[in-house]
Amino acid sequence: MFSFSEKIAMKSNGKSNEISGGKKEKKFRRGASCIVLILLPTLLLAACGQKDNAVSETETAKVQQPIEEGTSNDVKTEASTGEDLIIPVSDITEEASFYPVTVDGIDMEVIAVKASDGSIRTAFNTCQVCYDSGRGYYKQDGDKLVCQNCGNQFPMDRVEVEAGGCNPWPIFDENKTVTDDAITIPYSFLQESEQIFSNWK
């Protein structure tokens, strides 16, 4: 049996332990809260970084997706060495379009335009007489093409009609493939014609 004083001492010790335990628990909670507050910015940055990486990977995947054959992505309105020039028919109007080509390091250009009868005409953007001058190329002025060397003017209906004389150098049907969607001028023909651009522009 415990004496009265021993019982009081035991009760006092119990309260002391409860108080002590409560303080320890409060300190632990406070410490845990501090750790969370310290680590929170780091965790948020890491989460944002993962999100950015996910977006970056998605964008990269979009860029790296292969181009399917037969789609509009096959159309090349600017050709480099070794490539055919492919011109989309949907781009061609009564206003002349000019398509650059590089063949063996020589810059060339093709004109494509729709004539008054609705047919599509093509020619090299160089004059059959003035090509060697360096200025024998054409610019559109109204409904005509004007040679920048001799000043001769030609209506769109005369493109790809006349061979010889001071006309745009024609690209006839036998030198191209025409479909409902595109006009293809083969690289081999472009290469054969590169000498007329040796002094071009």
N, C-alpha and C. Protein backbone atom coordinates (compact mmCIF):
# COMPACT_ATOMS: atom_id res chain seq x y z
N MET A 1 0.85 -1.20 0.00
CA MET A 1 0.00 0.00 0.00
C MET A 1 0.87 1.23 0.00
N PHE A 2 0.40 2.27 -0.73
CA PHE A 2 1.17 3.52 -0.80
C PHE A 2 0.61 4.49 0.22
N SER A 3 1.52 5.26 0.76
CA SER A 3 1.12 6.31 1.70
C SER A 3 0.51 7.44 0.92
N PHE A 4 -0.14 8.32 1.64
CA PHE A 4 -0.78 9.47 1.01
C PHE A 4 0.21 10.33 0.25
N SER A 5 1.36 10.55 0.83
CA SER A 5 2.40 11.39 0.20
C SER A 5 2.95 10.71 -1.05
N GLU A 6 3.03 9.35 -1.00
CA GLU A 6 3.53 8.64 -2.18
C GLU A 6 2.53 8.71 -3.31
N LYS A 7 1.23 8.65 -2.98
CA LYS A 7 0.19 8.77 -4.00
C LYS A 7 0.23 10.13 -4.65
N ILE A 8 0.42 11.17 -3.84
CA ILE A 8 0.50 12.54 -4.37
C ILE A 8 1.71 12.67 -5.29
N ALA A 9 2.82 12.07 -4.86
CA ALA A 9 4.05 12.12 -5.68
C ALA A 9 3.82 11.42 -7.01
N MET A 10 3.13 10.28 -6.96
CA MET A 10 2.87 9.52 -8.19
C MET A 10 1.97 10.32 -9.13
N LYS A 11 0.95 10.96 -8.56
CA LYS A 11 0.06 11.78 -9.39
C LYS A 11 0.82 12.94 -10.00
N SER A 12 1.68 13.53 -9.20
CA SER A 12 2.48 14.66 -9.69
C SER A 12 3.38 14.21 -10.83
N ASN A 13 4.02 13.04 -10.66
CA ASN A 13 4.90 12.51 -11.72
C ASN A 13 4.10 12.21 -12.99
N GLY A 14 2.86 11.68 -12.82
CA GLY A 14 2.00 11.38 -13.98
C GLY A 14 1.66 12.62 -14.75
N LYS A 15 1.31 13.69 -14.01
CA LYS A 15 0.99 14.97 -14.67
C LYS A 15 2.22 15.51 -15.36
N SER A 16 3.35 15.36 -14.65
CA SER A 16 4.62 15.87 -15.22
C SER A 16 4.94 15.14 -16.53
N ASN A 17 4.70 13.81 -16.50
CA ASN A 17 4.98 13.04 -17.72
C ASN A 17 4.02 13.43 -18.85
N GLU A 18 2.72 13.66 -18.45
CA GLU A 18 1.75 14.06 -19.46
C GLU A 18 2.14 15.39 -20.07
N ILE A 19 2.52 16.33 -19.22
CA ILE A 19 2.93 17.66 -19.68
C ILE A 19 4.16 17.54 -20.56
N SER A 20 5.11 16.75 -20.07
CA SER A 20 6.36 16.56 -20.82
C SER A 20 6.08 15.92 -22.18
N GLY A 21 5.18 14.87 -22.12
CA GLY A 21 4.83 14.21 -23.38
C GLY A 21 4.12 15.16 -24.33
N GLY A 22 3.23 15.99 -23.78
CA GLY A 22 2.51 16.95 -24.60
C GLY A 22 3.46 17.95 -25.25
N LYS A 23 4.46 18.42 -24.48
CA LYS A 23 5.44 19.37 -25.01
C LYS A 23 6.25 18.72 -26.13
N LYS A 24 6.63 17.45 -25.87
CA LYS A 24 7.42 16.74 -26.89
C LYS A 24 6.61 16.59 -28.18
N GLU A 25 5.29 16.27 -28.00
CA GLU A 25 4.45 16.08 -29.18
C GLU A 25 4.30 17.39 -29.94
N LYS A 26 4.12 18.50 -29.16
CA LYS A 26 4.00 19.80 -29.81
C LYS A 26 5.28 20.16 -30.54
N LYS A 27 6.44 19.88 -29.90
CA LYS A 27 7.73 20.17 -30.54
C LYS A 27 7.87 19.35 -31.81
N PHE A 28 7.45 18.07 -31.75
CA PHE A 28 7.57 17.19 -32.92
C PHE A 28 6.72 17.72 -34.07
N ARG A 29 5.46 18.13 -33.69
CA ARG A 29 4.57 18.66 -34.74
C ARG A 29 5.14 19.93 -35.34
N ARG A 30 5.69 20.81 -34.48
CA ARG A 30 6.27 22.07 -34.95
C ARG A 30 7.46 21.79 -35.87
N GLY A 31 8.27 20.81 -35.46
CA GLY A 31 9.45 20.45 -36.26
C GLY A 31 9.04 19.88 -37.61
N ALA A 32 8.01 19.02 -37.58
CA ALA A 32 7.54 18.42 -38.83
C ALA A 32 6.98 19.49 -39.76
N SER A 33 6.26 20.46 -39.18
CA SER A 33 5.71 21.55 -39.99
C SER A 33 6.81 22.36 -40.64
N CYS A 34 7.88 22.63 -39.87
CA CYS A 34 9.02 23.39 -40.41
C CYS A 34 9.67 22.65 -41.57
N ILE A 35 9.82 21.34 -41.39
CA ILE A 35 10.45 20.53 -42.46
C ILE A 35 9.60 20.58 -43.72
N VAL A 36 8.26 20.48 -43.56
CA VAL A 36 7.36 20.53 -44.72
C VAL A 36 7.46 21.88 -45.41
N LEU A 37 7.49 22.97 -44.60
CA LEU A 37 7.59 24.32 -45.18
C LEU A 37 8.90 24.51 -45.92
N ILE A 38 9.98 23.92 -45.38
CA ILE A 38 11.30 24.04 -46.03
C ILE A 38 11.32 23.24 -47.33
N LEU A 39 10.74 22.04 -47.30
CA LEU A 39 10.81 21.17 -48.47
C LEU A 39 9.76 21.51 -49.53
N LEU A 40 8.70 22.25 -49.15
CA LEU A 40 7.61 22.52 -50.07
C LEU A 40 8.06 23.20 -51.37
N PRO A 41 8.88 24.29 -51.30
CA PRO A 41 9.34 24.92 -52.56
C PRO A 41 10.10 23.95 -53.45
N THR A 42 10.94 23.11 -52.83
CA THR A 42 11.72 22.15 -53.61
C THR A 42 10.81 21.15 -54.31
N LEU A 43 9.78 20.68 -53.56
CA LEU A 43 8.84 19.73 -54.15
C LEU A 43 8.05 20.36 -55.28
N LEU A 44 7.64 21.63 -55.11
CA LEU A 44 6.90 22.33 -56.15
C LEU A 44 7.74 22.52 -57.40
N LEU A 45 9.01 22.91 -57.21
CA LEU A 45 9.92 23.09 -58.35
C LEU A 45 10.11 21.79 -59.09
N ALA A 46 10.27 20.71 -58.34
CA ALA A 46 10.46 19.40 -58.97
C ALA A 46 9.23 19.01 -59.78
N ALA A 47 8.03 19.28 -59.21
CA ALA A 47 6.79 18.95 -59.93
C ALA A 47 6.66 19.76 -61.20
N CYS A 48 7.01 21.07 -61.13
CA CYS A 48 6.95 21.93 -62.32
C CYS A 48 7.94 21.47 -63.37
N GLY A 49 9.12 21.07 -62.92
CA GLY A 49 10.14 20.58 -63.84
C GLY A 49 9.67 19.35 -64.58
N GLN A 50 9.00 18.45 -63.86
CA GLN A 50 8.47 17.24 -64.51
C GLN A 50 7.39 17.59 -65.52
N LYS A 51 6.57 18.60 -65.18
CA LYS A 51 5.51 19.03 -66.10
C LYS A 51 6.12 19.62 -67.36
N ASP A 52 7.15 20.49 -67.18
CA ASP A 52 7.82 21.10 -68.34
C ASP A 52 8.46 20.04 -69.21
N ASN A 53 9.08 19.04 -68.55
CA ASN A 53 9.72 17.96 -69.31
C ASN A 53 8.68 17.19 -70.11
N ALA A 54 7.50 16.99 -69.49
CA ALA A 54 6.44 16.26 -70.18
C ALA A 54 5.97 17.04 -71.41
N VAL A 55 5.82 18.38 -71.25
CA VAL A 55 5.41 19.22 -72.38
C VAL A 55 6.46 19.20 -73.45
N SER A 56 7.74 19.33 -73.02
CA SER A 56 8.85 19.32 -73.98
C SER A 56 8.90 18.03 -74.77
N GLU A 57 8.70 16.91 -74.07
CA GLU A 57 8.73 15.61 -74.75
C GLU A 57 7.57 15.49 -75.73
N THR A 58 6.40 16.06 -75.34
CA THR A 58 5.24 16.02 -76.24
C THR A 58 5.52 16.81 -77.50
N GLU A 59 6.09 18.04 -77.33
CA GLU A 59 6.39 18.87 -78.49
C GLU A 59 7.42 18.21 -79.38
N THR A 60 8.43 17.59 -78.76
CA THR A 60 9.46 16.90 -79.53
C THR A 60 8.85 15.78 -80.34
N ALA A 61 7.91 15.06 -79.71
CA ALA A 61 7.26 13.95 -80.41
C ALA A 61 6.49 14.46 -81.62
N LYS A 62 5.86 15.65 -81.47
CA LYS A 62 5.13 16.21 -82.59
C LYS A 62 6.07 16.51 -83.75
N VAL A 63 7.22 17.10 -83.44
CA VAL A 63 8.18 17.46 -84.48
C VAL A 63 8.75 16.23 -85.15
N GLN A 64 8.96 15.17 -84.38
CA GLN A 64 9.62 14.00 -84.90
C GLN A 64 8.68 13.01 -85.57
N GLN A 65 7.37 13.32 -85.60
CA GLN A 65 6.43 12.42 -86.25
C GLN A 65 6.76 12.32 -87.73
N PRO A 66 6.83 11.11 -88.28
CA PRO A 66 7.16 10.96 -89.70
C PRO A 66 6.08 11.53 -90.59
N ILE A 67 6.50 12.05 -91.73
CA ILE A 67 5.55 12.58 -92.71
C ILE A 67 5.07 11.44 -93.58
N GLU A 68 3.78 11.28 -93.68
CA GLU A 68 3.22 10.20 -94.48
C GLU A 68 3.33 10.56 -95.96
N GLU A 69 3.67 9.57 -96.76
CA GLU A 69 3.76 9.79 -98.19
C GLU A 69 2.38 10.08 -98.76
N GLY A 70 2.37 10.96 -99.78
CA GLY A 70 1.11 11.29 -100.44
C GLY A 70 0.35 12.41 -99.77
N THR A 71 0.88 12.98 -98.67
CA THR A 71 0.21 14.09 -98.01
C THR A 71 0.74 15.39 -98.58
N SER A 72 0.09 16.51 -98.19
CA SER A 72 0.52 17.82 -98.67
C SER A 72 1.91 18.17 -98.19
N ASN A 73 2.40 17.48 -97.14
CA ASN A 73 3.74 17.75 -96.65
C ASN A 73 4.82 17.34 -97.64
N ASP A 74 4.45 16.55 -98.67
CA ASP A 74 5.42 16.15 -99.68
C ASP A 74 5.74 17.29 -100.64
N VAL A 75 4.87 18.30 -100.69
CA VAL A 75 5.04 19.39 -101.65
C VAL A 75 6.25 20.23 -101.26
N LYS A 76 7.13 20.46 -102.24
CA LYS A 76 8.31 21.29 -102.01
C LYS A 76 8.24 22.49 -102.94
N THR A 77 8.05 23.67 -102.40
CA THR A 77 8.03 24.86 -103.23
C THR A 77 9.41 25.50 -103.31
N GLU A 78 10.38 24.86 -102.69
CA GLU A 78 11.77 25.28 -102.84
C GLU A 78 12.61 24.02 -102.86
N ALA A 79 13.35 23.82 -103.94
CA ALA A 79 14.12 22.59 -104.10
C ALA A 79 15.61 22.86 -103.95
N SER A 80 16.31 21.90 -103.38
CA SER A 80 17.75 21.98 -103.26
C SER A 80 18.37 20.91 -104.15
N THR A 81 19.69 20.87 -104.17
CA THR A 81 20.39 19.93 -105.04
C THR A 81 19.90 18.51 -104.82
N GLY A 82 19.56 17.83 -105.92
CA GLY A 82 19.12 16.44 -105.86
C GLY A 82 17.64 16.26 -105.68
N GLU A 83 16.85 17.34 -105.55
CA GLU A 83 15.41 17.23 -105.32
C GLU A 83 14.62 17.75 -106.50
N ASP A 84 13.51 17.07 -106.80
CA ASP A 84 12.58 17.59 -107.80
C ASP A 84 11.89 18.82 -107.21
N LEU A 85 11.45 19.71 -108.08
CA LEU A 85 10.65 20.84 -107.65
C LEU A 85 9.18 20.47 -107.80
N ILE A 86 8.44 20.52 -106.70
CA ILE A 86 7.02 20.15 -106.71
C ILE A 86 6.20 21.38 -106.34
N ILE A 87 5.35 21.81 -107.25
CA ILE A 87 4.56 23.03 -107.06
C ILE A 87 3.09 22.64 -106.89
N PRO A 88 2.46 23.02 -105.78
CA PRO A 88 1.03 22.70 -105.60
C PRO A 88 0.16 23.50 -106.55
N VAL A 89 -0.71 22.83 -107.26
CA VAL A 89 -1.60 23.50 -108.22
C VAL A 89 -2.48 24.52 -107.52
N SER A 90 -2.87 24.24 -106.28
CA SER A 90 -3.76 25.15 -105.54
C SER A 90 -3.13 26.52 -105.29
N ASP A 91 -1.81 26.61 -105.38
CA ASP A 91 -1.12 27.88 -105.14
C ASP A 91 -1.12 28.78 -106.37
N ILE A 92 -1.41 28.24 -107.55
CA ILE A 92 -1.19 28.97 -108.79
C ILE A 92 -2.43 29.79 -109.16
N THR A 93 -2.21 31.08 -109.39
CA THR A 93 -3.29 31.99 -109.75
C THR A 93 -2.86 32.82 -110.97
N GLU A 94 -3.67 33.82 -111.31
CA GLU A 94 -3.35 34.73 -112.42
C GLU A 94 -2.16 35.62 -112.08
N GLU A 95 -1.82 35.67 -110.81
CA GLU A 95 -0.62 36.41 -110.40
C GLU A 95 0.55 35.43 -110.39
N ALA A 96 1.63 35.78 -111.06
CA ALA A 96 2.77 34.87 -111.20
C ALA A 96 3.38 34.53 -109.84
N SER A 97 3.70 33.26 -109.68
CA SER A 97 4.41 32.80 -108.48
C SER A 97 5.82 32.41 -108.90
N PHE A 98 6.78 32.68 -108.03
CA PHE A 98 8.19 32.42 -108.33
C PHE A 98 8.74 31.41 -107.33
N TYR A 99 9.32 30.33 -107.86
CA TYR A 99 9.79 29.23 -107.02
C TYR A 99 11.31 29.06 -107.16
N PRO A 100 12.04 29.28 -106.07
CA PRO A 100 13.51 29.17 -106.13
C PRO A 100 13.99 27.72 -106.17
N VAL A 101 15.09 27.50 -106.85
CA VAL A 101 15.70 26.19 -106.97
C VAL A 101 17.21 26.37 -106.88
N THR A 102 17.89 25.46 -106.20
CA THR A 102 19.35 25.47 -106.17
C THR A 102 19.84 24.18 -106.80
N VAL A 103 20.63 24.30 -107.85
CA VAL A 103 21.15 23.13 -108.55
C VAL A 103 22.66 23.25 -108.65
N ASP A 104 23.38 22.31 -108.03
CA ASP A 104 24.84 22.33 -108.03
C ASP A 104 25.39 23.69 -107.60
N GLY A 105 24.73 24.28 -106.62
CA GLY A 105 25.18 25.57 -106.08
C GLY A 105 24.74 26.77 -106.89
N ILE A 106 24.01 26.56 -107.99
CA ILE A 106 23.53 27.67 -108.83
C ILE A 106 22.07 27.96 -108.50
N ASP A 107 21.78 29.22 -108.19
CA ASP A 107 20.40 29.63 -107.88
C ASP A 107 19.61 29.79 -109.17
N MET A 108 18.43 29.19 -109.20
CA MET A 108 17.53 29.26 -110.34
C MET A 108 16.14 29.62 -109.84
N GLU A 109 15.23 29.89 -110.77
CA GLU A 109 13.86 30.21 -110.36
C GLU A 109 12.89 29.81 -111.46
N VAL A 110 11.73 29.31 -111.03
CA VAL A 110 10.68 28.88 -111.97
C VAL A 110 9.45 29.77 -111.76
N ILE A 111 8.85 30.17 -112.87
CA ILE A 111 7.60 30.94 -112.83
C ILE A 111 6.44 29.98 -113.10
N ALA A 112 5.38 30.11 -112.32
CA ALA A 112 4.13 29.37 -112.58
C ALA A 112 2.98 30.36 -112.52
N VAL A 113 2.10 30.31 -113.52
CA VAL A 113 1.00 31.27 -113.57
C VAL A 113 -0.17 30.64 -114.31
N LYS A 114 -1.39 31.10 -113.99
CA LYS A 114 -2.59 30.62 -114.67
C LYS A 114 -2.94 31.58 -115.79
N ALA A 115 -3.06 31.05 -117.01
CA ALA A 115 -3.39 31.87 -118.18
C ALA A 115 -4.89 32.15 -118.21
N SER A 116 -5.31 32.99 -119.15
CA SER A 116 -6.72 33.39 -119.22
C SER A 116 -7.64 32.23 -119.55
N ASP A 117 -7.12 31.17 -120.21
CA ASP A 117 -7.94 30.00 -120.52
C ASP A 117 -7.99 28.99 -119.38
N GLY A 118 -7.36 29.33 -118.25
CA GLY A 118 -7.38 28.45 -117.07
C GLY A 118 -6.24 27.46 -117.04
N SER A 119 -5.45 27.37 -118.10
CA SER A 119 -4.31 26.44 -118.12
C SER A 119 -3.16 27.01 -117.29
N ILE A 120 -2.35 26.11 -116.77
CA ILE A 120 -1.21 26.53 -115.95
C ILE A 120 0.05 26.53 -116.81
N ARG A 121 0.77 27.62 -116.78
CA ARG A 121 1.97 27.79 -117.59
C ARG A 121 3.19 27.86 -116.67
N THR A 122 4.29 27.28 -117.15
CA THR A 122 5.53 27.32 -116.39
C THR A 122 6.69 27.72 -117.29
N ALA A 123 7.65 28.40 -116.73
CA ALA A 123 8.85 28.82 -117.46
C ALA A 123 9.94 29.12 -116.44
N PHE A 124 11.18 29.10 -116.90
CA PHE A 124 12.27 29.57 -116.05
C PHE A 124 12.21 31.09 -116.01
N ASN A 125 12.53 31.65 -114.85
CA ASN A 125 12.50 33.11 -114.71
C ASN A 125 13.79 33.71 -115.27
N THR A 126 13.95 33.53 -116.57
CA THR A 126 15.08 34.15 -117.26
C THR A 126 14.72 34.31 -118.72
N CYS A 127 15.20 35.35 -119.32
CA CYS A 127 14.88 35.68 -120.71
C CYS A 127 15.73 34.84 -121.66
N GLN A 128 15.12 34.37 -122.74
CA GLN A 128 15.84 33.52 -123.70
C GLN A 128 16.92 34.29 -124.47
N VAL A 129 16.84 35.60 -124.46
CA VAL A 129 17.87 36.42 -125.11
C VAL A 129 18.79 37.07 -124.09
N CYS A 130 18.21 37.59 -123.02
CA CYS A 130 18.99 38.39 -122.05
C CYS A 130 19.54 37.57 -120.89
N TYR A 131 19.39 36.25 -120.90
CA TYR A 131 19.76 35.43 -119.74
C TYR A 131 21.21 35.61 -119.31
N ASP A 132 22.10 35.91 -120.27
CA ASP A 132 23.52 35.99 -119.96
C ASP A 132 23.92 37.35 -119.39
N SER A 133 22.97 38.28 -119.37
CA SER A 133 23.29 39.65 -118.94
C SER A 133 23.39 39.79 -117.42
N GLY A 134 22.78 38.84 -116.70
CA GLY A 134 22.71 38.95 -115.25
C GLY A 134 21.44 39.64 -114.78
N ARG A 135 20.76 40.33 -115.72
CA ARG A 135 19.50 41.00 -115.36
C ARG A 135 18.34 40.49 -116.20
N GLY A 136 18.52 39.37 -116.86
CA GLY A 136 17.47 38.84 -117.72
C GLY A 136 16.44 38.04 -116.96
N TYR A 137 15.84 38.63 -115.96
CA TYR A 137 14.78 37.97 -115.19
C TYR A 137 13.54 38.85 -115.19
N TYR A 138 12.42 38.28 -114.78
CA TYR A 138 11.13 38.96 -114.91
C TYR A 138 10.54 39.33 -113.56
N LYS A 139 9.81 40.45 -113.61
CA LYS A 139 8.95 40.85 -112.50
C LYS A 139 7.57 41.12 -113.08
N GLN A 140 6.56 40.88 -112.25
CA GLN A 140 5.19 41.11 -112.73
C GLN A 140 4.83 42.57 -112.57
N ASP A 141 4.21 43.12 -113.61
CA ASP A 141 3.70 44.49 -113.57
C ASP A 141 2.28 44.45 -114.15
N GLY A 142 1.29 44.52 -113.27
CA GLY A 142 -0.09 44.37 -113.72
C GLY A 142 -0.32 42.95 -114.21
N ASP A 143 -0.78 42.79 -115.45
CA ASP A 143 -1.02 41.46 -115.99
C ASP A 143 0.08 41.03 -116.96
N LYS A 144 1.25 41.65 -116.83
CA LYS A 144 2.37 41.33 -117.72
C LYS A 144 3.63 41.00 -116.93
N LEU A 145 4.53 40.26 -117.56
CA LEU A 145 5.87 40.01 -117.04
C LEU A 145 6.83 40.93 -117.78
N VAL A 146 7.71 41.59 -117.05
CA VAL A 146 8.62 42.57 -117.64
C VAL A 146 10.06 42.12 -117.44
N CYS A 147 10.82 42.01 -118.55
CA CYS A 147 12.23 41.65 -118.47
C CYS A 147 12.99 42.82 -117.85
N GLN A 148 13.78 42.54 -116.84
CA GLN A 148 14.49 43.59 -116.12
C GLN A 148 15.77 44.04 -116.85
N ASN A 149 16.07 43.41 -117.98
CA ASN A 149 17.23 43.84 -118.77
C ASN A 149 16.80 44.65 -119.99
N CYS A 150 15.93 44.09 -120.82
CA CYS A 150 15.55 44.78 -122.06
C CYS A 150 14.24 45.55 -121.96
N GLY A 151 13.45 45.25 -120.90
CA GLY A 151 12.19 45.97 -120.71
C GLY A 151 11.03 45.42 -121.50
N ASN A 152 11.24 44.37 -122.28
CA ASN A 152 10.12 43.77 -123.02
C ASN A 152 9.06 43.23 -122.07
N GLN A 153 7.81 43.34 -122.47
CA GLN A 153 6.69 42.91 -121.64
C GLN A 153 5.94 41.78 -122.34
N PHE A 154 5.47 40.82 -121.51
CA PHE A 154 4.80 39.66 -122.06
C PHE A 154 3.55 39.35 -121.24
N PRO A 155 2.40 39.19 -121.90
CA PRO A 155 1.19 38.78 -121.17
C PRO A 155 1.34 37.34 -120.70
N MET A 156 0.59 36.98 -119.67
CA MET A 156 0.69 35.64 -119.09
C MET A 156 0.37 34.55 -120.12
N ASP A 157 -0.49 34.87 -121.08
CA ASP A 157 -0.87 33.88 -122.09
C ASP A 157 0.29 33.47 -123.00
N ARG A 158 1.37 34.22 -122.99
CA ARG A 158 2.51 33.88 -123.85
C ARG A 158 3.56 33.05 -123.11
N VAL A 159 3.38 32.86 -121.81
CA VAL A 159 4.30 32.01 -121.05
C VAL A 159 4.12 30.56 -121.51
N GLU A 160 5.21 29.87 -121.72
CA GLU A 160 5.24 28.47 -122.15
C GLU A 160 4.60 28.27 -123.53
N VAL A 161 4.71 29.27 -124.38
CA VAL A 161 4.16 29.16 -125.72
C VAL A 161 5.29 29.25 -126.75
N GLU A 162 6.13 30.23 -126.60
CA GLU A 162 7.15 30.49 -127.60
C GLU A 162 8.54 30.08 -127.10
N ALA A 163 9.26 29.35 -127.96
CA ALA A 163 10.65 29.03 -127.67
C ALA A 163 11.51 29.87 -128.61
N GLY A 164 12.43 30.60 -128.03
CA GLY A 164 13.23 31.52 -128.84
C GLY A 164 12.69 32.93 -128.71
N GLY A 165 13.53 33.88 -129.04
CA GLY A 165 13.14 35.28 -128.90
C GLY A 165 13.24 35.72 -127.45
N CYS A 166 12.83 36.95 -127.23
CA CYS A 166 12.96 37.53 -125.90
C CYS A 166 11.73 37.19 -125.06
N ASN A 167 11.62 35.91 -124.71
CA ASN A 167 10.50 35.39 -123.93
C ASN A 167 11.04 34.65 -122.71
N PRO A 168 10.18 34.47 -121.69
CA PRO A 168 10.59 33.59 -120.58
C PRO A 168 10.91 32.19 -121.11
N TRP A 169 11.99 31.61 -120.61
CA TRP A 169 12.43 30.30 -121.09
C TRP A 169 11.40 29.24 -120.72
N PRO A 170 10.68 28.64 -121.71
CA PRO A 170 9.53 27.78 -121.39
C PRO A 170 9.92 26.42 -120.80
N ILE A 171 9.04 25.90 -119.96
CA ILE A 171 9.14 24.52 -119.47
C ILE A 171 7.92 23.80 -120.01
N PHE A 172 8.12 23.03 -121.09
CA PHE A 172 7.00 22.39 -121.79
C PHE A 172 6.55 21.12 -121.07
N ASP A 173 5.42 20.57 -121.54
CA ASP A 173 4.82 19.39 -120.92
C ASP A 173 5.77 18.20 -120.84
N GLU A 174 6.63 18.04 -121.86
CA GLU A 174 7.54 16.90 -121.85
C GLU A 174 8.63 17.01 -120.78
N ASN A 175 8.75 18.19 -120.19
CA ASN A 175 9.78 18.40 -119.17
C ASN A 175 9.22 18.45 -117.76
N LYS A 176 7.95 18.09 -117.59
CA LYS A 176 7.32 18.14 -116.27
C LYS A 176 6.19 17.12 -116.20
N THR A 177 5.77 16.84 -114.99
CA THR A 177 4.61 15.95 -114.78
C THR A 177 3.52 16.77 -114.11
N VAL A 178 2.33 16.76 -114.70
CA VAL A 178 1.23 17.56 -114.17
C VAL A 178 0.10 16.64 -113.73
N THR A 179 -0.35 16.83 -112.49
CA THR A 179 -1.52 16.12 -111.97
C THR A 179 -2.53 17.16 -111.49
N ASP A 180 -3.64 16.69 -110.97
CA ASP A 180 -4.64 17.63 -110.44
C ASP A 180 -4.12 18.38 -109.23
N ASP A 181 -3.14 17.80 -108.54
CA ASP A 181 -2.66 18.39 -107.29
C ASP A 181 -1.33 19.14 -107.41
N ALA A 182 -0.47 18.69 -108.31
CA ALA A 182 0.88 19.27 -108.31
C ALA A 182 1.54 19.20 -109.68
N ILE A 183 2.51 20.08 -109.85
CA ILE A 183 3.38 20.07 -111.02
C ILE A 183 4.77 19.69 -110.54
N THR A 184 5.34 18.65 -111.12
CA THR A 184 6.66 18.19 -110.72
C THR A 184 7.64 18.42 -111.86
N ILE A 185 8.69 19.16 -111.55
CA ILE A 185 9.76 19.39 -112.51
C ILE A 185 10.96 18.61 -112.02
N PRO A 186 11.38 17.58 -112.76
CA PRO A 186 12.43 16.69 -112.25
C PRO A 186 13.79 17.37 -112.14
N TYR A 187 14.53 16.90 -111.16
CA TYR A 187 15.86 17.46 -110.92
C TYR A 187 16.76 17.33 -112.14
N SER A 188 16.64 16.22 -112.88
CA SER A 188 17.50 16.02 -114.05
C SER A 188 17.29 17.12 -115.08
N PHE A 189 16.05 17.56 -115.28
CA PHE A 189 15.79 18.64 -116.23
C PHE A 189 16.31 19.97 -115.68
N LEU A 190 16.13 20.19 -114.40
CA LEU A 190 16.67 21.41 -113.79
C LEU A 190 18.18 21.47 -113.99
N GLN A 191 18.82 20.34 -113.80
CA GLN A 191 20.28 20.28 -113.94
C GLN A 191 20.71 20.57 -115.38
N GLU A 192 19.96 20.08 -116.35
CA GLU A 192 20.27 20.34 -117.75
C GLU A 192 20.17 21.83 -118.08
N SER A 193 19.36 22.57 -117.32
CA SER A 193 19.08 23.97 -117.64
C SER A 193 19.90 24.95 -116.81
N GLU A 194 20.77 24.45 -115.96
CA GLU A 194 21.44 25.35 -115.02
C GLU A 194 22.33 26.38 -115.71
N GLN A 195 22.85 26.09 -116.92
CA GLN A 195 23.77 27.02 -117.56
C GLN A 195 23.12 28.36 -117.90
N ILE A 196 21.79 28.39 -118.09
CA ILE A 196 21.13 29.65 -118.43
C ILE A 196 21.03 30.57 -117.21
N PHE A 197 21.40 30.06 -116.04
CA PHE A 197 21.38 30.89 -114.83
C PHE A 197 22.78 31.20 -114.30
N SER A 198 23.79 30.92 -115.11
CA SER A 198 25.18 31.08 -114.62
C SER A 198 25.49 32.52 -114.22
N ASN A 199 24.87 33.51 -114.87
CA ASN A 199 25.11 34.93 -114.52
C ASN A 199 23.86 35.58 -113.95
N TRP A 200 22.93 34.77 -113.51
CA TRP A 200 21.61 35.26 -113.12
C TRP A 200 21.66 36.15 -111.88
N LYS A 201 21.01 37.29 -111.97
CA LYS A 201 20.90 38.26 -110.86
C LYS A 201 22.25 38.61 -110.28
